[in-house]
Structure formats: C-alpha cells, structure tokens
C-alpha cells in the first residue's frame, strides 16, 4: 500500500471516502455529543480510539483458526473477519477525525485506499498484518503520537489488512455504510439502555445487515435503515 496525493484518486473513490468520513463524524456527534474530538463523551466518559482498534484486532484474529488447542482444522470465518475490519475502520476514521477535519482526513488517506487484494488469502498473513496494526495503534497511544506521518502509517497498515483479507475498497465502502446504519439503528432502538434485541431469527443483526447490503447494487443509508426496521419489527 502506498500513499500519494488524493487528487490522483478516481473521483468515485474520493466520493466514497468523503461519504464515509461524513457519516462517521455524524455518528460520533450523535452518540458521543458535540466536541467529542476533545476526548470525552457528553457524559464525561473518556474516549480512546486507539485502544478500540487494538481490542477489535483481537476479535478479528479470533475469526481465524489460530488456536493450537482448539478447532485446529477450522476455516476462517471470513464474513465476520471482514465485519471486524469494518469496525476497525470506524475507529481508525474516528481517530483521524479527532485530529483533523473531514477534508484533511481524506487527504491523509490519500491513495492508500487504492489497492489490489491478495491473490491468495492466507490467514497467517492476515494475523501478521493485523498484529502490526495493533502494534502501531498501541505505540501511538502509549507515546501520545498524533503527527501526520504517524496517522498515515496507521491508515496504510489498515489497508494492508484489507488487502491481505481480500476486502476490496468497494466492499469495505458498502459494508461500512451498512454497519454505520446498523450502529445508528441500534442506538435508536435501545442499545445503550440494554433493551435492543441483537439476535434476529437465530443470528446476529450483523448477518441480516450483510444480506441486505449484498442485495443492493448501490447502498442507500435510508433504504437500508428501512429494511432493518422492517425485519426488526417482525421479531
């Protein structure tokens, strides 16, 4: 993954990137309160996006058969692994937005999102790239590093994880809009209060969201929200 000026990107990639950063800022504003960029929520809870990345990487790795003592012949849960990458992308963008506005955030991403996926998917390589991402996030956190170069390094390594995992930028964009919409849906239906129903017809709500997104040529936030509501109201 290499970084160059954003202007070298195709307009469709820039538009998708802009939409994702704007959606993430709106979600953070709505769930954490205005001025969350200062590091605390509206309820005074500390925000630590880099720790979030580290914790989500652990969940991503658990989607692989890395354990030598359990299910050693199992396959990767690639669908869940890619969902975990989308969750990590939420936190990567949030960390960048904490330091930069939307246009500057997009400029820092540059052409990192313009990549080709690996021809052969190897779960050991996925783990290696993911652990590198975790290491970078923890290094920035512990040393309180927020330079542009450090942020670019974090972004580049995230897309290296996407490449190794076979997650194209186009599918990342669709899944991101889907998960962003689901996060908004959860908040609107009692997620923080503990009243939200997460298991839909025997499966996690993520599974239903992916199915709805997969059936859409172009993912519309509003159409997807309506689709989620239709399923939820029948539970």
Protein backbone atom coordinates (compact mmCIF):
# COMPACT_ATOMS: atom_id res chain seq x y z
CA UNK A 1 0.00 0.00 0.00
CA UNK A 2 1.44 3.32 -1.00
CA UNK A 3 0.37 6.86 -0.29
CA UNK A 4 0.14 9.65 -2.87
CA UNK A 5 -1.87 12.81 -3.21
CA UNK A 6 -5.66 12.45 -3.03
CA UNK A 7 -6.05 14.26 -6.35
CA UNK A 8 -4.55 11.20 -8.08
CA UNK A 9 -7.53 9.11 -7.00
CA UNK A 10 -10.51 8.38 -9.24
CA UNK A 11 -13.43 10.65 -8.36
CA UNK A 12 -15.57 7.65 -7.35
CA UNK A 13 -13.05 6.69 -4.66
CA UNK A 14 -12.88 10.25 -3.35
CA UNK A 15 -16.68 10.48 -3.20
CA UNK A 16 -16.92 7.17 -1.31
CA UNK A 17 -14.21 8.28 1.10
CA UNK A 18 -15.95 11.61 1.69
CA UNK A 19 -19.25 9.88 2.40
CA UNK A 20 -17.67 7.53 4.93
CA UNK A 21 -15.88 10.28 6.85
CA UNK A 22 -19.01 12.45 6.91
CA UNK A 23 -21.14 9.52 8.12
CA UNK A 24 -18.60 8.71 10.83
CA UNK A 25 -18.49 12.30 12.05
CA UNK A 26 -22.30 12.41 12.18
CA UNK A 27 -22.45 9.12 14.09
CA UNK A 28 -19.87 10.33 16.60
CA UNK A 29 -21.68 13.66 17.02
CA UNK A 30 -24.96 11.87 17.68
CA UNK A 31 -23.70 9.13 20.00
CA UNK A 32 -20.88 10.90 21.84
CA UNK A 33 -22.09 14.50 21.72
CA UNK A 34 -20.59 17.55 20.07
CA UNK A 35 -16.93 18.26 20.82
CA UNK A 36 -16.15 14.56 21.28
CA UNK A 37 -12.90 15.41 19.48
CA UNK A 38 -11.66 16.76 22.83
CA UNK A 39 -11.51 13.18 24.10
CA UNK A 40 -14.64 12.72 26.19
CA UNK A 41 -18.31 11.94 25.54
CA UNK A 42 -21.20 14.17 26.54
CA UNK A 43 -21.44 12.05 29.72
CA UNK A 44 -17.80 12.63 30.60
CA UNK A 45 -16.58 9.17 29.55
CA UNK A 46 -13.02 9.06 28.20
CA UNK A 47 -12.70 8.13 24.52
CA UNK A 48 -9.70 6.09 23.37
CA UNK A 49 -9.96 5.23 19.68
CA UNK A 50 -6.51 3.63 19.51
CA UNK A 51 -7.38 1.20 22.29
CA UNK A 52 -10.59 0.43 20.41
CA UNK A 53 -8.51 -0.52 17.36
CA UNK A 54 -6.31 -2.79 19.49
CA UNK A 55 -9.31 -4.56 21.03
CA UNK A 56 -11.05 -5.03 17.68
CA UNK A 57 -7.91 -6.55 16.19
CA UNK A 58 -8.11 -9.24 18.88
CA UNK A 59 -11.67 -10.01 17.79
CA UNK A 60 -10.56 -10.11 14.15
CA UNK A 61 -7.81 -12.62 14.97
CA UNK A 62 -10.35 -14.76 16.80
CA UNK A 63 -12.13 -15.17 13.45
CA UNK A 64 -9.13 -17.23 12.31
CA UNK A 65 -8.16 -20.76 13.45
CA UNK A 66 -5.04 -19.52 15.24
CA UNK A 67 -5.51 -21.56 18.43
CA UNK A 68 -3.25 -24.64 18.63
CA UNK A 69 -5.50 -26.29 21.21
CA UNK A 70 -8.97 -25.80 19.73
CA UNK A 71 -10.67 -26.30 16.33
CA UNK A 72 -7.27 -26.58 14.67
CA UNK A 73 -8.78 -27.67 11.35
CA UNK A 74 -11.42 -24.94 11.21
CA UNK A 75 -11.69 -22.42 8.39
CA UNK A 76 -11.55 -18.66 8.77
CA UNK A 77 -14.88 -17.01 9.39
CA UNK A 78 -14.21 -14.58 6.54
CA UNK A 79 -17.55 -12.80 6.77
CA UNK A 80 -17.06 -11.99 10.45
CA UNK A 81 -13.39 -11.17 9.85
CA UNK A 82 -14.34 -8.55 7.27
CA UNK A 83 -17.03 -7.16 9.58
CA UNK A 84 -14.35 -6.75 12.25
CA UNK A 85 -12.23 -4.86 9.71
CA UNK A 86 -15.17 -2.53 9.10
CA UNK A 87 -15.47 -1.97 12.86
CA UNK A 88 -11.76 -1.15 12.96
CA UNK A 89 -12.26 1.30 10.09
CA UNK A 90 -14.88 3.11 12.22
CA UNK A 91 -12.24 3.60 14.90
CA UNK A 92 -9.42 4.50 12.50
CA UNK A 93 -11.57 7.21 10.94
CA UNK A 94 -12.67 8.43 14.36
CA UNK A 95 -9.05 8.75 15.49
CA UNK A 96 -8.18 10.70 12.35
CA UNK A 97 -11.25 12.93 12.75
CA UNK A 98 -10.28 13.62 16.34
CA UNK A 99 -7.13 15.25 14.99
CA UNK A 100 -8.28 16.58 11.59
CA UNK A 101 -11.38 17.89 9.82
CA UNK A 102 -13.00 15.87 7.03
CA UNK A 103 -11.03 17.34 4.05
CA UNK A 104 -7.70 16.93 5.86
CA UNK A 105 -8.66 13.41 6.90
CA UNK A 106 -9.35 12.48 3.29
CA UNK A 107 -6.00 13.98 2.24
CA UNK A 108 -4.20 11.86 4.83
CA UNK A 109 -5.78 8.70 3.44
CA UNK A 110 -4.50 9.68 0.02
CA UNK A 111 -4.26 6.72 -2.33
CA UNK A 112 -3.91 4.18 0.48
CA UNK A 113 -7.44 3.01 -0.38
CA UNK A 114 -6.44 2.32 -4.00
CA UNK A 115 -5.09 -1.20 -3.63
CA UNK A 116 -5.35 -4.68 -5.10
CA UNK A 117 -6.38 -7.54 -2.83
CA UNK A 118 -4.07 -10.51 -2.29
CA UNK A 119 -4.48 -13.27 -4.87
CA UNK A 120 -4.14 -15.98 -2.22
CA UNK A 121 -5.79 -15.46 1.17
CA UNK A 122 -3.58 -16.79 3.96
CA UNK A 123 -4.94 -16.45 7.49
CA UNK A 124 -1.40 -16.36 8.90
CA UNK A 125 -0.65 -13.29 6.78
CA UNK A 126 -3.93 -11.72 7.93
CA UNK A 127 -2.85 -12.22 11.54
CA UNK A 128 0.61 -10.77 10.84
CA UNK A 129 -0.78 -7.63 9.21
CA UNK A 130 -3.41 -7.25 11.94
CA UNK A 131 -0.87 -7.54 14.73
CA UNK A 132 1.22 -4.88 13.01
CA UNK A 133 -1.84 -2.62 13.04
CA UNK A 134 -2.38 -3.30 16.73
CA UNK A 135 1.28 -2.57 17.47
CA UNK A 136 1.11 0.77 15.63
CA UNK A 137 -2.10 1.75 17.43
CA UNK A 138 -0.65 0.91 20.86
CA UNK A 139 2.61 2.70 20.05
CA UNK A 140 0.74 5.87 19.10
CA UNK A 141 -1.46 5.57 22.20
CA UNK A 142 1.29 4.96 24.74
CA UNK A 143 3.51 7.69 23.33
CA UNK A 144 0.67 10.12 22.53
CA UNK A 145 1.79 10.50 18.90
CA UNK A 146 -0.56 12.35 16.53
CA UNK A 147 1.73 13.52 13.74
CA UNK A 148 0.55 13.32 10.13
CA UNK A 149 3.23 10.72 9.39
CA UNK A 150 2.08 8.53 12.27
CA UNK A 151 -1.56 8.80 11.19
CA UNK A 152 -0.59 7.84 7.63
CA UNK A 153 1.28 4.83 8.96
CA UNK A 154 -1.84 3.69 10.84
CA UNK A 155 -4.03 4.19 7.76
CA UNK A 156 -1.58 2.40 5.44
CA UNK A 157 -1.41 -0.58 7.77
CA UNK A 158 -5.20 -0.77 7.99
CA UNK A 159 -5.43 -1.08 4.23
CA UNK A 160 -2.66 -3.67 4.28
CA UNK A 161 -5.00 -5.70 6.50
CA UNK A 162 -7.81 -5.21 3.99
CA UNK A 163 -5.55 -6.33 1.15
CA UNK A 164 -4.45 -9.48 2.99
CA UNK A 165 -8.07 -10.27 3.92
CA UNK A 166 -9.43 -9.95 0.39
CA UNK A 167 -11.60 -6.99 1.38
CA UNK A 168 -11.86 -4.67 -1.62
CA UNK A 169 -12.29 -0.95 -1.10
CA UNK A 170 -15.68 -1.12 -2.84
CA UNK A 171 -16.95 -3.82 -0.48
CA UNK A 172 -15.41 -2.01 2.51
CA UNK A 173 -17.41 1.06 1.49
CA UNK A 174 -20.67 -0.91 1.20
CA UNK A 175 -20.11 -2.76 4.47
CA UNK A 176 -19.12 0.47 6.22
CA UNK A 177 -22.35 2.21 5.22
CA UNK A 178 -24.20 -0.92 6.30
CA UNK A 179 -22.51 -1.10 9.71
CA UNK A 180 -22.79 2.66 10.23
CA UNK A 181 -26.50 2.39 9.51
CA UNK A 182 -26.82 -0.61 11.85
CA UNK A 183 -24.99 1.28 14.61
CA UNK A 184 -27.41 4.19 14.21
CA UNK A 185 -30.32 1.72 14.19
CA UNK A 186 -29.05 0.10 17.39
CA UNK A 187 -28.76 3.45 19.15
CA UNK A 188 -32.28 4.41 18.07
CA UNK A 189 -33.67 1.12 19.42
CA UNK A 190 -32.27 0.98 22.92
CA UNK A 191 -28.69 -0.30 22.52
CA UNK A 192 -27.24 1.87 25.30
CA UNK A 193 -30.22 1.15 27.54
CA UNK A 194 -29.84 -2.60 27.11
CA UNK A 195 -33.27 -3.15 25.54
CA UNK A 196 -32.10 -3.73 21.97
CA UNK A 197 -32.58 -7.22 20.50
CA UNK A 198 -29.30 -8.24 18.85
CA UNK A 199 -30.23 -11.78 17.77
CA UNK A 200 -32.56 -11.77 14.78
CA UNK A 201 -34.15 -15.08 13.88
CA UNK A 202 -31.29 -17.02 15.43
CA UNK A 203 -28.44 -14.91 14.02
CA UNK A 204 -26.70 -11.65 14.98
CA UNK A 205 -28.09 -8.48 13.42
CA UNK A 206 -24.79 -8.14 11.51
CA UNK A 207 -25.72 -11.16 9.39
CA UNK A 208 -29.05 -9.64 8.35
CA UNK A 209 -27.36 -6.33 7.58
CA UNK A 210 -24.80 -8.02 5.30
CA UNK A 211 -27.58 -9.87 3.46
CA UNK A 212 -29.47 -6.64 2.85
CA UNK A 213 -26.33 -4.82 1.68
CA UNK A 214 -25.36 -7.70 -0.61
CA UNK A 215 -28.71 -7.45 -2.36
CA UNK A 216 -28.21 -3.72 -3.13
CA UNK A 217 -26.37 -2.51 -6.22
CA UNK A 218 -25.89 0.87 -4.55
CA UNK A 219 -26.16 1.03 -0.77
CA UNK A 220 -28.50 3.77 0.40
CA UNK A 221 -28.37 4.61 4.11
CA UNK A 222 -32.09 5.45 4.24
CA UNK A 223 -33.20 2.39 2.26
CA UNK A 224 -31.07 0.11 4.40
CA UNK A 225 -32.41 1.66 7.61
CA UNK A 226 -35.95 0.99 6.38
CA UNK A 227 -35.00 -2.59 5.55
CA UNK A 228 -33.56 -3.15 9.01
CA UNK A 229 -36.66 -1.68 10.61
CA UNK A 230 -38.92 -3.96 8.59
CA UNK A 231 -37.09 -7.06 9.81
CA UNK A 232 -36.79 -5.80 13.40
CA UNK A 233 -40.48 -5.03 13.73
CA UNK A 234 -41.29 -8.67 12.88
CA UNK A 235 -39.12 -10.13 15.67
